[in-house]
């Protein structure tokens, strides 16, 4: 039976689809379509003749085998192949071929998108916010010809995303989904801060300065620890930039989020003191045991500053350093409105691996 195989092959070549893959998919689809026709043989295969532009359904009948004592229920044997191509199979065959071609084209397009974005995971990209009334929970972001998803969990609390707005986002994941490639982006991920600084600070790109840890409460505040292997380079000043221009540029892209940049140190006591900035620290005592806990003493007038609004400063310090932190005033007296201890719960470092 005739089938426009030449035309299909030409389309496949234009779309970059392997011809053997196309022929195999066509043969299997036509075989399944044949099995749905009346009086179809149970055992059949489809053979394409690409030169003639035709196909043939070859079927085989089951031949019963006499049972024996050793084999009371023998499997039937298969007879010789014969041409069982249905006479009125043309319309169904054409529809089946169109379906196969469509599926392969969509898969080829999905493969192109997946291939292009699989290398973008962990990078910063710019997209345009799109409205989707059918999906009010997620924000859709057009990145070129591809639409990524900014799910609620990756959005910044209080941040507004307006249709047509250009938005810089961090690519969290690229995966193959049921409906094609699924690209998930984020505005709340700590690594977004790293990528934004890399665009503003040449020393980060050259390797003269390294970001050692990031703790972030998206939309409110971020603490970032930096270090330099070059004694002549001040890593904090490099990230802040002349007149604060570099950090100001990042803050603007984050919608005004506060950023504390502190110097990382191998000496954990020194690192914890720096991480509690802007509060001054009198003493850091590392507590024995495997709990990674410490007791920090601060001047009485600095206690509220060290703890921060609703414990935010202490909480971010704990995430940045990986230590449980008990903050105490120098006098030992907390006052009527101060808590007796500011225990910063140890939480998982939200910086991406």
C-alpha atoms as a PDB file:
ATOM      1  CA  UNK A   1       0.000   0.000   0.000  1.00  0.00           C
ATOM      2  CA  UNK A   2       1.317   3.446  -0.909  1.00  0.00           C
ATOM      3  CA  UNK A   3       2.602   5.920   1.680  1.00  0.00           C
ATOM      4  CA  UNK A   4       4.412   9.217   1.042  1.00  0.00           C
ATOM      5  CA  UNK A   5       7.661   8.040   2.594  1.00  0.00           C
ATOM      6  CA  UNK A   6       9.792  10.380   0.456  1.00  0.00           C
ATOM      7  CA  UNK A   7       7.940  13.422   1.783  1.00  0.00           C
ATOM      8  CA  UNK A   8       8.186  12.157   5.362  1.00  0.00           C
ATOM      9  CA  UNK A   9      11.922  11.536   4.986  1.00  0.00           C
ATOM     10  CA  UNK A  10      12.442  15.056   3.635  1.00  0.00           C
ATOM     11  CA  UNK A  11      10.595  16.556   6.628  1.00  0.00           C
ATOM     12  CA  UNK A  12      12.589  14.358   8.999  1.00  0.00           C
ATOM     13  CA  UNK A  13      15.889  15.516   7.465  1.00  0.00           C
ATOM     14  CA  UNK A  14      14.845  19.165   7.845  1.00  0.00           C
ATOM     15  CA  UNK A  15      14.005  18.579  11.521  1.00  0.00           C
ATOM     16  CA  UNK A  16      17.165  16.596  12.206  1.00  0.00           C
ATOM     17  CA  UNK A  17      15.299  13.337  12.887  1.00  0.00           C
ATOM     18  CA  UNK A  18      17.155  10.095  12.262  1.00  0.00           C
ATOM     19  CA  UNK A  19      15.576   8.264   9.279  1.00  0.00           C
ATOM     20  CA  UNK A  20      16.041   4.827  10.827  1.00  0.00           C
ATOM     21  CA  UNK A  21      14.248   6.047  13.925  1.00  0.00           C
ATOM     22  CA  UNK A  22      11.424   7.394  11.777  1.00  0.00           C
ATOM     23  CA  UNK A  23      11.049   4.146   9.798  1.00  0.00           C
ATOM     24  CA  UNK A  24      11.084   2.022  12.955  1.00  0.00           C
ATOM     25  CA  UNK A  25       8.427   4.241  14.581  1.00  0.00           C
ATOM     26  CA  UNK A  26       6.266   4.082  11.436  1.00  0.00           C
ATOM     27  CA  UNK A  27       6.505   0.302  11.194  1.00  0.00           C
ATOM     28  CA  UNK A  28       5.515  -0.173  14.835  1.00  0.00           C
ATOM     29  CA  UNK A  29       2.655   2.358  14.631  1.00  0.00           C
ATOM     30  CA  UNK A  30       1.281   0.767  11.463  1.00  0.00           C
ATOM     31  CA  UNK A  31       1.535  -2.685  13.033  1.00  0.00           C
ATOM     32  CA  UNK A  32      -0.476  -1.550  16.044  1.00  0.00           C
ATOM     33  CA  UNK A  33      -3.034   0.101  13.744  1.00  0.00           C
ATOM     34  CA  UNK A  34      -3.339  -3.143  11.758  1.00  0.00           C
ATOM     35  CA  UNK A  35      -3.962  -5.161  14.946  1.00  0.00           C
ATOM     36  CA  UNK A  36      -7.046  -3.003  15.576  1.00  0.00           C
ATOM     37  CA  UNK A  37      -8.603  -3.909  12.229  1.00  0.00           C
ATOM     38  CA  UNK A  38     -11.228  -6.686  11.971  1.00  0.00           C
ATOM     39  CA  UNK A  39      -9.867 -10.234  11.619  1.00  0.00           C
ATOM     40  CA  UNK A  40      -6.264  -9.069  12.112  1.00  0.00           C
ATOM     41  CA  UNK A  41      -3.691 -11.821  12.602  1.00  0.00           C
ATOM     42  CA  UNK A  42      -2.153 -12.040  16.034  1.00  0.00           C
ATOM     43  CA  UNK A  43       1.397 -12.187  14.698  1.00  0.00           C
ATOM     44  CA  UNK A  44       2.334  -9.544  12.170  1.00  0.00           C
ATOM     45  CA  UNK A  45       5.059  -7.142  11.123  1.00  0.00           C
ATOM     46  CA  UNK A  46       5.155  -4.168   8.784  1.00  0.00           C
ATOM     47  CA  UNK A  47       7.792  -3.784   6.092  1.00  0.00           C
ATOM     48  CA  UNK A  48       8.473  -0.405   4.469  1.00  0.00           C
ATOM     49  CA  UNK A  49       9.756  -0.079   0.918  1.00  0.00           C
ATOM     50  CA  UNK A  50      11.337   3.359   0.996  1.00  0.00           C
ATOM     51  CA  UNK A  51      12.185   3.344  -2.712  1.00  0.00           C
ATOM     52  CA  UNK A  52       8.692   2.449  -3.892  1.00  0.00           C
ATOM     53  CA  UNK A  53       6.982   4.445  -1.141  1.00  0.00           C
ATOM     54  CA  UNK A  54       4.866   1.496  -0.034  1.00  0.00           C
ATOM     55  CA  UNK A  55       4.415  -0.758   2.958  1.00  0.00           C
ATOM     56  CA  UNK A  56       3.253  -4.325   3.439  1.00  0.00           C
ATOM     57  CA  UNK A  57       1.726  -6.062   6.437  1.00  0.00           C
ATOM     58  CA  UNK A  58       3.174  -9.561   6.716  1.00  0.00           C
ATOM     59  CA  UNK A  59       1.130 -11.881   8.927  1.00  0.00           C
ATOM     60  CA  UNK A  60       1.540 -15.419  10.225  1.00  0.00           C
ATOM     61  CA  UNK A  61      -1.161 -17.802  11.381  1.00  0.00           C
ATOM     62  CA  UNK A  62      -0.927 -20.006  14.459  1.00  0.00           C
ATOM     63  CA  UNK A  63      -0.856 -23.746  13.720  1.00  0.00           C
ATOM     64  CA  UNK A  64      -2.025 -25.949  16.601  1.00  0.00           C
ATOM     65  CA  UNK A  65       0.407 -28.608  17.822  1.00  0.00           C
ATOM     66  CA  UNK A  66      -0.741 -31.993  19.047  1.00  0.00           C
ATOM     67  CA  UNK A  67      -0.260 -32.405  22.808  1.00  0.00           C
ATOM     68  CA  UNK A  68       2.026 -35.116  24.120  1.00  0.00           C
ATOM     69  CA  UNK A  69       2.598 -36.701  27.502  1.00  0.00           C
ATOM     70  CA  UNK A  70       5.706 -34.585  27.970  1.00  0.00           C
ATOM     71  CA  UNK A  71       4.006 -31.417  26.758  1.00  0.00           C
ATOM     72  CA  UNK A  72       0.222 -31.534  27.285  1.00  0.00           C
ATOM     73  CA  UNK A  73      -0.193 -27.820  26.411  1.00  0.00           C
ATOM     74  CA  UNK A  74       2.230 -27.071  23.593  1.00  0.00           C
ATOM     75  CA  UNK A  75       2.561 -23.586  22.146  1.00  0.00           C
ATOM     76  CA  UNK A  76       1.269 -23.280  18.600  1.00  0.00           C
ATOM     77  CA  UNK A  77       3.684 -23.035  15.721  1.00  0.00           C
ATOM     78  CA  UNK A  78       3.693 -20.117  13.319  1.00  0.00           C
ATOM     79  CA  UNK A  79       2.988 -20.662   9.641  1.00  0.00           C
ATOM     80  CA  UNK A  80       4.547 -19.000   6.630  1.00  0.00           C
ATOM     81  CA  UNK A  81       4.248 -15.247   6.230  1.00  0.00           C
ATOM     82  CA  UNK A  82       1.597 -13.915   3.914  1.00  0.00           C
ATOM     83  CA  UNK A  83       0.541 -10.462   2.748  1.00  0.00           C
ATOM     84  CA  UNK A  84      -2.390  -9.332   4.891  1.00  0.00           C
ATOM     85  CA  UNK A  85      -2.373  -5.618   4.131  1.00  0.00           C
ATOM     86  CA  UNK A  86      -6.017  -4.470   4.510  1.00  0.00           C
ATOM     87  CA  UNK A  87      -7.561  -3.078   1.331  1.00  0.00           C
ATOM     88  CA  UNK A  88      -9.131  -0.050   2.996  1.00  0.00           C
ATOM     89  CA  UNK A  89      -6.131   0.675   5.205  1.00  0.00           C
ATOM     90  CA  UNK A  90      -4.982   3.811   3.363  1.00  0.00           C
ATOM     91  CA  UNK A  91      -6.837   6.456   5.384  1.00  0.00           C
ATOM     92  CA  UNK A  92      -5.947   4.868   8.736  1.00  0.00           C
ATOM     93  CA  UNK A  93      -2.335   4.427   7.630  1.00  0.00           C
ATOM     94  CA  UNK A  94      -2.069   8.087   6.617  1.00  0.00           C
ATOM     95  CA  UNK A  95      -3.545   9.251   9.932  1.00  0.00           C
ATOM     96  CA  UNK A  96      -1.178   6.966  11.827  1.00  0.00           C
ATOM     97  CA  UNK A  97       1.799   8.306   9.859  1.00  0.00           C
ATOM     98  CA  UNK A  98       0.802  11.919  10.600  1.00  0.00           C
ATOM     99  CA  UNK A  99       0.557  11.096  14.300  1.00  0.00           C
ATOM    100  CA  UNK A 100       3.998   9.464  14.331  1.00  0.00           C
ATOM    101  CA  UNK A 101       5.545  12.382  12.448  1.00  0.00           C
ATOM    102  CA  UNK A 102       3.972  14.863  14.862  1.00  0.00           C
ATOM    103  CA  UNK A 103       5.237  12.978  17.902  1.00  0.00           C
ATOM    104  CA  UNK A 104       8.764  12.734  16.515  1.00  0.00           C
ATOM    105  CA  UNK A 105       8.791  16.420  15.608  1.00  0.00           C
ATOM    106  CA  UNK A 106       7.678  17.401  19.117  1.00  0.00           C
ATOM    107  CA  UNK A 107      10.298  15.113  20.641  1.00  0.00           C
ATOM    108  CA  UNK A 108      12.992  16.579  18.385  1.00  0.00           C
ATOM    109  CA  UNK A 109      11.981  20.104  19.397  1.00  0.00           C
ATOM    110  CA  UNK A 110      11.911  19.121  23.078  1.00  0.00           C
ATOM    111  CA  UNK A 111      15.371  17.565  22.715  1.00  0.00           C
ATOM    112  CA  UNK A 112      16.685  20.799  21.229  1.00  0.00           C
ATOM    113  CA  UNK A 113      15.263  22.836  24.109  1.00  0.00           C
ATOM    114  CA  UNK A 114      16.528  20.372  26.715  1.00  0.00           C
ATOM    115  CA  UNK A 115      19.968  20.313  25.120  1.00  0.00           C
ATOM    116  CA  UNK A 116      20.150  24.092  25.013  1.00  0.00           C
ATOM    117  CA  UNK A 117      19.087  24.537  28.648  1.00  0.00           C
ATOM    118  CA  UNK A 118      20.695  21.513  30.298  1.00  0.00           C
ATOM    119  CA  UNK A 119      23.940  23.493  30.333  1.00  0.00           C
ATOM    120  CA  UNK A 120      22.194  26.529  31.859  1.00  0.00           C
ATOM    121  CA  UNK A 121      21.453  24.847  35.197  1.00  0.00           C
ATOM    122  CA  UNK A 122      23.045  26.882  37.977  1.00  0.00           C
ATOM    123  CA  UNK A 123      23.387  29.984  35.816  1.00  0.00           C
ATOM    124  CA  UNK A 124      21.836  33.428  35.769  1.00  0.00           C
ATOM    125  CA  UNK A 125      19.501  34.195  32.863  1.00  0.00           C
ATOM    126  CA  UNK A 126      17.239  37.084  31.919  1.00  0.00           C
ATOM    127  CA  UNK A 127      13.617  36.515  30.964  1.00  0.00           C
ATOM    128  CA  UNK A 128      10.360  38.394  30.494  1.00  0.00           C
ATOM    129  CA  UNK A 129       7.423  37.851  32.848  1.00  0.00           C
ATOM    130  CA  UNK A 130       4.351  36.350  31.149  1.00  0.00           C
ATOM    131  CA  UNK A 131       0.811  36.219  32.509  1.00  0.00           C
ATOM    132  CA  UNK A 132      -1.057  32.922  32.599  1.00  0.00           C
ATOM    133  CA  UNK A 133      -4.590  33.149  33.968  1.00  0.00           C
ATOM    134  CA  UNK A 134      -4.853  29.359  34.069  1.00  0.00           C
ATOM    135  CA  UNK A 135      -1.847  29.101  36.403  1.00  0.00           C
ATOM    136  CA  UNK A 136      -2.112  31.857  39.034  1.00  0.00           C
ATOM    137  CA  UNK A 137       0.245  30.169  41.508  1.00  0.00           C
ATOM    138  CA  UNK A 138       3.325  30.107  39.303  1.00  0.00           C
ATOM    139  CA  UNK A 139       4.969  32.929  37.367  1.00  0.00           C
ATOM    140  CA  UNK A 140       5.812  32.126  33.749  1.00  0.00           C
ATOM    141  CA  UNK A 141       9.065  33.594  32.453  1.00  0.00           C
ATOM    142  CA  UNK A 142       9.860  33.672  28.728  1.00  0.00           C
ATOM    143  CA  UNK A 143      13.534  33.015  28.086  1.00  0.00           C
ATOM    144  CA  UNK A 144      13.942  33.391  24.348  1.00  0.00           C
ATOM    145  CA  UNK A 145      11.471  31.007  22.732  1.00  0.00           C
ATOM    146  CA  UNK A 146      11.172  28.882  25.870  1.00  0.00           C
ATOM    147  CA  UNK A 147       8.888  29.395  28.857  1.00  0.00           C
ATOM    148  CA  UNK A 148      10.298  28.683  32.307  1.00  0.00           C
ATOM    149  CA  UNK A 149       8.372  28.360  35.569  1.00  0.00           C
ATOM    150  CA  UNK A 150       9.000  30.462  38.669  1.00  0.00           C
ATOM    151  CA  UNK A 151       7.051  28.449  41.288  1.00  0.00           C
ATOM    152  CA  UNK A 152       5.717  30.015  44.468  1.00  0.00           C
ATOM    153  CA  UNK A 153       8.405  28.327  46.592  1.00  0.00           C
ATOM    154  CA  UNK A 154      11.094  30.083  44.521  1.00  0.00           C
ATOM    155  CA  UNK A 155       9.457  33.510  44.630  1.00  0.00           C
ATOM    156  CA  UNK A 156      10.506  36.291  46.989  1.00  0.00           C
ATOM    157  CA  UNK A 157       7.832  37.148  49.570  1.00  0.00           C
ATOM    158  CA  UNK A 158       6.300  40.499  48.719  1.00  0.00           C
ATOM    159  CA  UNK A 159       7.992  40.761  45.330  1.00  0.00           C
ATOM    160  CA  UNK A 160       5.638  41.684  42.460  1.00  0.00           C
ATOM    161  CA  UNK A 161       6.079  40.236  38.995  1.00  0.00           C
ATOM    162  CA  UNK A 162       4.450  42.356  36.293  1.00  0.00           C
ATOM    163  CA  UNK A 163       3.651  41.208  32.778  1.00  0.00           C
ATOM    164  CA  UNK A 164       6.379  42.286  30.351  1.00  0.00           C
ATOM    165  CA  UNK A 165       8.898  43.011  33.114  1.00  0.00           C
ATOM    166  CA  UNK A 166      12.502  41.908  32.496  1.00  0.00           C
ATOM    167  CA  UNK A 167      13.631  39.645  35.301  1.00  0.00           C
ATOM    168  CA  UNK A 168      16.951  38.060  36.210  1.00  0.00           C
ATOM    169  CA  UNK A 169      16.482  34.552  37.561  1.00  0.00           C
ATOM    170  CA  UNK A 170      18.618  31.610  38.646  1.00  0.00           C
ATOM    171  CA  UNK A 171      18.083  28.310  36.796  1.00  0.00           C
ATOM    172  CA  UNK A 172      17.394  25.729  39.510  1.00  0.00           C
ATOM    173  CA  UNK A 173      16.601  22.680  37.403  1.00  0.00           C
ATOM    174  CA  UNK A 174      16.127  21.458  33.845  1.00  0.00           C
ATOM    175  CA  UNK A 175      14.293  18.142  33.488  1.00  0.00           C
ATOM    176  CA  UNK A 176      12.258  16.146  30.998  1.00  0.00           C
ATOM    177  CA  UNK A 177       8.588  16.409  31.909  1.00  0.00           C
ATOM    178  CA  UNK A 178       5.426  14.763  30.611  1.00  0.00           C
ATOM    179  CA  UNK A 179       4.670  17.781  28.418  1.00  0.00           C
ATOM    180  CA  UNK A 180       8.259  18.462  27.407  1.00  0.00           C
ATOM    181  CA  UNK A 181      11.261  20.091  29.098  1.00  0.00           C
ATOM    182  CA  UNK A 182      10.515  21.655  32.486  1.00  0.00           C
ATOM    183  CA  UNK A 183      12.729  24.619  33.358  1.00  0.00           C
ATOM    184  CA  UNK A 184      12.444  25.819  36.950  1.00  0.00           C
ATOM    185  CA  UNK A 185      13.923  29.203  37.872  1.00  0.00           C
ATOM    186  CA  UNK A 186      14.267  31.032  41.171  1.00  0.00           C
ATOM    187  CA  UNK A 187      14.386  34.511  42.637  1.00  0.00           C
ATOM    188  CA  UNK A 188      14.873  33.360  46.237  1.00  0.00           C
ATOM    189  CA  UNK A 189      17.809  30.948  45.835  1.00  0.00           C
ATOM    190  CA  UNK A 190      21.029  31.999  47.659  1.00  0.00           C
ATOM    191  CA  UNK A 191      23.051  31.236  44.535  1.00  0.00           C
ATOM    192  CA  UNK A 192      21.212  34.041  42.733  1.00  0.00           C
ATOM    193  CA  UNK A 193      23.144  36.441  44.957  1.00  0.00           C
ATOM    194  CA  UNK A 194      26.438  34.746  44.027  1.00  0.00           C
ATOM    195  CA  UNK A 195      25.732  35.003  40.288  1.00  0.00           C
ATOM    196  CA  UNK A 196      24.729  38.667  40.571  1.00  0.00           C
ATOM    197  CA  UNK A 197      27.967  39.517  42.391  1.00  0.00           C
ATOM    198  CA  UNK A 198      29.986  37.631  39.773  1.00  0.00           C
ATOM    199  CA  UNK A 199      28.611  40.067  37.184  1.00  0.00           C
ATOM    200  CA  UNK A 200      29.659  43.077  39.217  1.00  0.00           C
ATOM    201  CA  UNK A 201      32.976  41.977  40.799  1.00  0.00           C
ATOM    202  CA  UNK A 202      35.844  41.131  38.394  1.00  0.00           C
ATOM    203  CA  UNK A 203      37.881  39.681  41.267  1.00  0.00           C
ATOM    204  CA  UNK A 204      35.298  36.896  41.664  1.00  0.00           C
ATOM    205  CA  UNK A 205      35.635  35.941  38.005  1.00  0.00           C
ATOM    206  CA  UNK A 206      39.441  36.018  38.103  1.00  0.00           C
ATOM    207  CA  UNK A 207      39.539  33.923  41.282  1.00  0.00           C
ATOM    208  CA  UNK A 208      41.279  36.567  43.371  1.00  0.00           C
ATOM    209  CA  UNK A 209      38.210  36.626  45.656  1.00  0.00           C
ATOM    210  CA  UNK A 210      35.996  33.667  46.579  1.00  0.00           C
ATOM    211  CA  UNK A 211      32.509  33.521  48.081  1.00  0.00           C
ATOM    212  CA  UNK A 212      32.792  30.917  50.840  1.00  0.00           C
ATOM    213  CA  UNK A 213      29.207  30.864  52.184  1.00  0.00           C
ATOM    214  CA  UNK A 214      25.853  32.560  51.704  1.00  0.00           C
ATOM    215  CA  UNK A 215      22.864  32.680  54.064  1.00  0.00           C
ATOM    216  CA  UNK A 216      19.736  34.335  52.781  1.00  0.00           C
ATOM    217  CA  UNK A 217      16.230  35.235  53.843  1.00  0.00           C
ATOM    218  CA  UNK A 218      14.961  36.302  50.440  1.00  0.00           C
ATOM    219  CA  UNK A 219      13.492  39.770  50.265  1.00  0.00           C
ATOM    220  CA  UNK A 220      14.841  40.779  53.664  1.00  0.00           C
ATOM    221  CA  UNK A 221      18.536  40.150  54.204  1.00  0.00           C
ATOM    222  CA  UNK A 222      21.560  38.189  53.021  1.00  0.00           C
ATOM    223  CA  UNK A 223      24.869  37.487  54.713  1.00  0.00           C
ATOM    224  CA  UNK A 224      27.803  36.579  52.491  1.00  0.00           C
ATOM    225  CA  UNK A 225      31.262  35.445  53.604  1.00  0.00           C
ATOM    226  CA  UNK A 226      34.174  36.206  51.265  1.00  0.00           C
ATOM    227  CA  UNK A 227      37.889  35.383  51.280  1.00  0.00           C
ATOM    228  CA  UNK A 228      40.958  36.130  49.212  1.00  0.00           C
ATOM    229  CA  UNK A 229      44.095  34.048  48.765  1.00  0.00           C
ATOM    230  CA  UNK A 230      45.941  37.266  47.920  1.00  0.00           C
ATOM    231  CA  UNK A 231      46.976  39.134  51.053  1.00  0.00           C
ATOM    232  CA  UNK A 232      47.009  42.373  49.072  1.00  0.00           C
ATOM    233  CA  UNK A 233      43.315  42.075  48.156  1.00  0.00           C
ATOM    234  CA  UNK A 234      40.609  43.035  50.634  1.00  0.00           C
ATOM    235  CA  UNK A 235      37.730  40.685  49.674  1.00  0.00           C
ATOM    236  CA  UNK A 236      35.060  42.709  51.482  1.00  0.00           C
ATOM    237  CA  UNK A 237      36.100  45.976  49.841  1.00  0.00           C
ATOM    238  CA  UNK A 238      36.274  44.276  46.422  1.00  0.00           C
ATOM    239  CA  UNK A 239      32.651  43.145  46.724  1.00  0.00           C
ATOM    240  CA  UNK A 240      31.451  46.470  48.077  1.00  0.00           C
ATOM    241  CA  UNK A 241      33.218  48.358  45.310  1.00  0.00           C
ATOM    242  CA  UNK A 242      34.226  52.023  45.010  1.00  0.00           C
ATOM    243  CA  UNK A 243      31.680  54.178  46.829  1.00  0.00           C
ATOM    244  CA  UNK A 244      29.629  51.009  47.387  1.00  0.00           C
ATOM    245  CA  UNK A 245      28.712  50.851  43.679  1.00  0.00           C
ATOM    246  CA  UNK A 246      29.052  47.076  43.260  1.00  0.00           C
ATOM    247  CA  UNK A 247      26.967  46.004  46.218  1.00  0.00           C
ATOM    248  CA  UNK A 248      24.440  48.751  45.414  1.00  0.00           C
ATOM    249  CA  UNK A 249      23.971  47.313  41.917  1.00  0.00           C
ATOM    250  CA  UNK A 250      23.208  43.868  43.370  1.00  0.00           C
ATOM    251  CA  UNK A 251      20.870  45.310  46.001  1.00  0.00           C
ATOM    252  CA  UNK A 252      18.937  47.105  43.255  1.00  0.00           C
ATOM    253  CA  UNK A 253      18.503  43.873  41.270  1.00  0.00           C
ATOM    254  CA  UNK A 254      17.234  42.173  44.432  1.00  0.00           C
ATOM    255  CA  UNK A 255      14.620  44.846  45.037  1.00  0.00           C
ATOM    256  CA  UNK A 256      16.359  46.533  47.951  1.00  0.00           C
ATOM    257  CA  UNK A 257      17.301  43.416  49.927  1.00  0.00           C
ATOM    258  CA  UNK A 258      19.961  44.207  52.574  1.00  0.00           C
ATOM    259  CA  UNK A 259      23.341  42.516  52.116  1.00  0.00           C
ATOM    260  CA  UNK A 260      26.010  42.058  54.804  1.00  0.00           C
ATOM    261  CA  UNK A 261      29.447  41.152  53.438  1.00  0.00           C
ATOM    262  CA  UNK A 262      31.851  39.708  56.011  1.00  0.00           C
ATOM    263  CA  UNK A 263      35.348  38.266  55.879  1.00  0.00           C
ATOM    264  CA  UNK A 264      35.580  34.468  56.078  1.00  0.00           C
ATOM    265  CA  UNK A 265      38.228  32.956  58.343  1.00  0.00           C
ATOM    266  CA  UNK A 266      39.518  29.465  59.118  1.00  0.00           C
ATOM    267  CA  UNK A 267      39.401  30.525  62.768  1.00  0.00           C
ATOM    268  CA  UNK A 268      35.748  29.756  63.556  1.00  0.00           C
ATOM    269  CA  UNK A 269      35.667  32.165  66.523  1.00  0.00           C
ATOM    270  CA  UNK A 270      36.898  34.967  64.293  1.00  0.00           C
ATOM    271  CA  UNK A 271      34.426  33.984  61.575  1.00  0.00           C
ATOM    272  CA  UNK A 272      31.477  33.947  63.999  1.00  0.00           C
ATOM    273  CA  UNK A 273      32.478  37.397  65.311  1.00  0.00           C
ATOM    274  CA  UNK A 274      32.533  38.759  61.773  1.00  0.00           C
ATOM    275  CA  UNK A 275      29.268  37.016  60.858  1.00  0.00           C
ATOM    276  CA  UNK A 276      27.405  38.736  63.704  1.00  0.00           C
ATOM    277  CA  UNK A 277      28.141  42.081  62.087  1.00  0.00           C
ATOM    278  CA  UNK A 278      27.054  44.837  62.501  1.00  0.00           C
ATOM    279  CA  UNK A 279      27.145  43.925  66.211  1.00  0.00           C
ATOM    280  CA  UNK A 280      30.482  43.980  68.079  1.00  0.00           C
ATOM    281  CA  UNK A 281      31.551  40.785  69.832  1.00  0.00           C
ATOM    282  CA  UNK A 282      33.445  40.628  73.125  1.00  0.00           C
ATOM    283  CA  UNK A 283      34.111  36.895  73.262  1.00  0.00           C
ATOM    284  CA  UNK A 284      33.267  33.628  71.482  1.00  0.00           C
ATOM    285  CA  UNK A 285      33.360  30.372  73.475  1.00  0.00           C
ATOM    286  CA  UNK A 286      33.160  27.121  71.525  1.00  0.00           C
ATOM    287  CA  UNK A 287      31.240  24.563  73.579  1.00  0.00           C
ATOM    288  CA  UNK A 288      32.579  20.990  73.853  1.00  0.00           C
ATOM    289  CA  UNK A 289      30.885  18.106  72.104  1.00  0.00           C
ATOM    290  CA  UNK A 290      29.692  17.362  68.591  1.00  0.00           C
ATOM    291  CA  UNK A 291      26.826  19.859  68.583  1.00  0.00           C
ATOM    292  CA  UNK A 292      28.815  22.657  66.874  1.00  0.00           C
ATOM    293  CA  UNK A 293      27.574  25.157  69.417  1.00  0.00           C
ATOM    294  CA  UNK A 294      29.069  28.324  70.855  1.00  0.00           C
ATOM    295  CA  UNK A 295      28.354  31.051  73.394  1.00  0.00           C
ATOM    296  CA  UNK A 296      28.864  34.608  72.205  1.00  0.00           C
ATOM    297  CA  UNK A 297      29.207  37.572  74.559  1.00  0.00           C
ATOM    298  CA  UNK A 298      28.353  41.045  73.300  1.00  0.00           C
ATOM    299  CA  UNK A 299      28.223  44.488  74.974  1.00  0.00           C
ATOM    300  CA  UNK A 300      24.892  45.076  76.714  1.00  0.00           C
ATOM    301  CA  UNK A 301      23.931  47.893  74.372  1.00  0.00           C
ATOM    302  CA  UNK A 302      24.682  45.638  71.358  1.00  0.00           C
ATOM    303  CA  UNK A 303      22.470  42.704  72.384  1.00  0.00           C
ATOM    304  CA  UNK A 304      19.423  43.730  70.357  1.00  0.00           C
ATOM    305  CA  UNK A 305      21.635  44.470  67.344  1.00  0.00           C
ATOM    306  CA  UNK A 306      23.346  41.069  67.589  1.00  0.00           C
ATOM    307  CA  UNK A 307      20.051  39.211  67.800  1.00  0.00           C
ATOM    308  CA  UNK A 308      18.390  41.328  65.131  1.00  0.00           C
ATOM    309  CA  UNK A 309      14.738  41.930  64.360  1.00  0.00           C
ATOM    310  CA  UNK A 310      12.849  38.749  65.349  1.00  0.00           C
ATOM    311  CA  UNK A 311      16.208  36.964  65.687  1.00  0.00           C
ATOM    312  CA  UNK A 312      17.121  37.461  62.025  1.00  0.00           C
ATOM    313  CA  UNK A 313      20.770  38.473  62.492  1.00  0.00           C
ATOM    314  CA  UNK A 314      21.522  35.571  64.838  1.00  0.00           C
ATOM    315  CA  UNK A 315      19.631  33.157  62.603  1.00  0.00           C
ATOM    316  CA  UNK A 316      21.553  34.159  59.481  1.00  0.00           C
ATOM    317  CA  UNK A 317      24.834  34.013  61.375  1.00  0.00           C
ATOM    318  CA  UNK A 318      24.023  30.438  62.445  1.00  0.00           C
ATOM    319  CA  UNK A 319      23.279  29.429  58.848  1.00  0.00           C
ATOM    320  CA  UNK A 320      26.392  31.128  57.522  1.00  0.00           C
ATOM    321  CA  UNK A 321      28.762  29.521  60.023  1.00  0.00           C
ATOM    322  CA  UNK A 322      26.955  26.227  60.658  1.00  0.00           C
ATOM    323  CA  UNK A 323      27.004  26.788  64.442  1.00  0.00           C
ATOM    324  CA  UNK A 324      24.255  27.012  67.065  1.00  0.00           C
ATOM    325  CA  UNK A 325      24.774  30.410  68.665  1.00  0.00           C
ATOM    326  CA  UNK A 326      23.775  31.446  72.195  1.00  0.00           C
ATOM    327  CA  UNK A 327      24.115  35.234  72.465  1.00  0.00           C
ATOM    328  CA  UNK A 328      24.545  36.739  75.927  1.00  0.00           C
ATOM    329  CA  UNK A 329      25.073  40.299  77.212  1.00  0.00           C
ATOM    330  CA  UNK A 330      28.379  41.171  78.857  1.00  0.00           C
ATOM    331  CA  UNK A 331      26.735  41.980  82.186  1.00  0.00           C
ATOM    332  CA  UNK A 332      24.723  38.774  82.224  1.00  0.00           C
ATOM    333  CA  UNK A 333      21.579  40.849  82.738  1.00  0.00           C
ATOM    334  CA  UNK A 334      19.077  40.843  79.866  1.00  0.00           C
ATOM    335  CA  UNK A 335      16.647  43.502  81.051  1.00  0.00           C
ATOM    336  CA  UNK A 336      12.873  43.280  81.137  1.00  0.00           C
ATOM    337  CA  UNK A 337      12.312  43.274  77.391  1.00  0.00           C
ATOM    338  CA  UNK A 338      15.253  41.117  76.359  1.00  0.00           C
ATOM    339  CA  UNK A 339      15.103  37.306  76.167  1.00  0.00           C
ATOM    340  CA  UNK A 340      17.389  35.417  78.502  1.00  0.00           C
ATOM    341  CA  UNK A 341      19.185  33.832  75.570  1.00  0.00           C
ATOM    342  CA  UNK A 342      19.164  34.254  71.829  1.00  0.00           C
ATOM    343  CA  UNK A 343      19.511  30.689  70.681  1.00  0.00           C
ATOM    344  CA  UNK A 344      19.901  30.696  66.914  1.00  0.00           C
ATOM    345  CA  UNK A 345      18.544  27.408  65.678  1.00  0.00           C
ATOM    346  CA  UNK A 346      20.914  25.554  63.458  1.00  0.00           C
ATOM    347  CA  UNK A 347      19.373  25.208  60.057  1.00  0.00           C
ATOM    348  CA  UNK A 348      20.586  23.731  56.830  1.00  0.00           C
ATOM    349  CA  UNK A 349      22.814  26.068  54.899  1.00  0.00           C
ATOM    350  CA  UNK A 350      20.587  27.284  52.115  1.00  0.00           C
ATOM    351  CA  UNK A 351      23.502  27.871  49.777  1.00  0.00           C
ATOM    352  CA  UNK A 352      23.248  25.519  46.766  1.00  0.00           C
ATOM    353  CA  UNK A 353      25.706  22.694  46.491  1.00  0.00           C
END
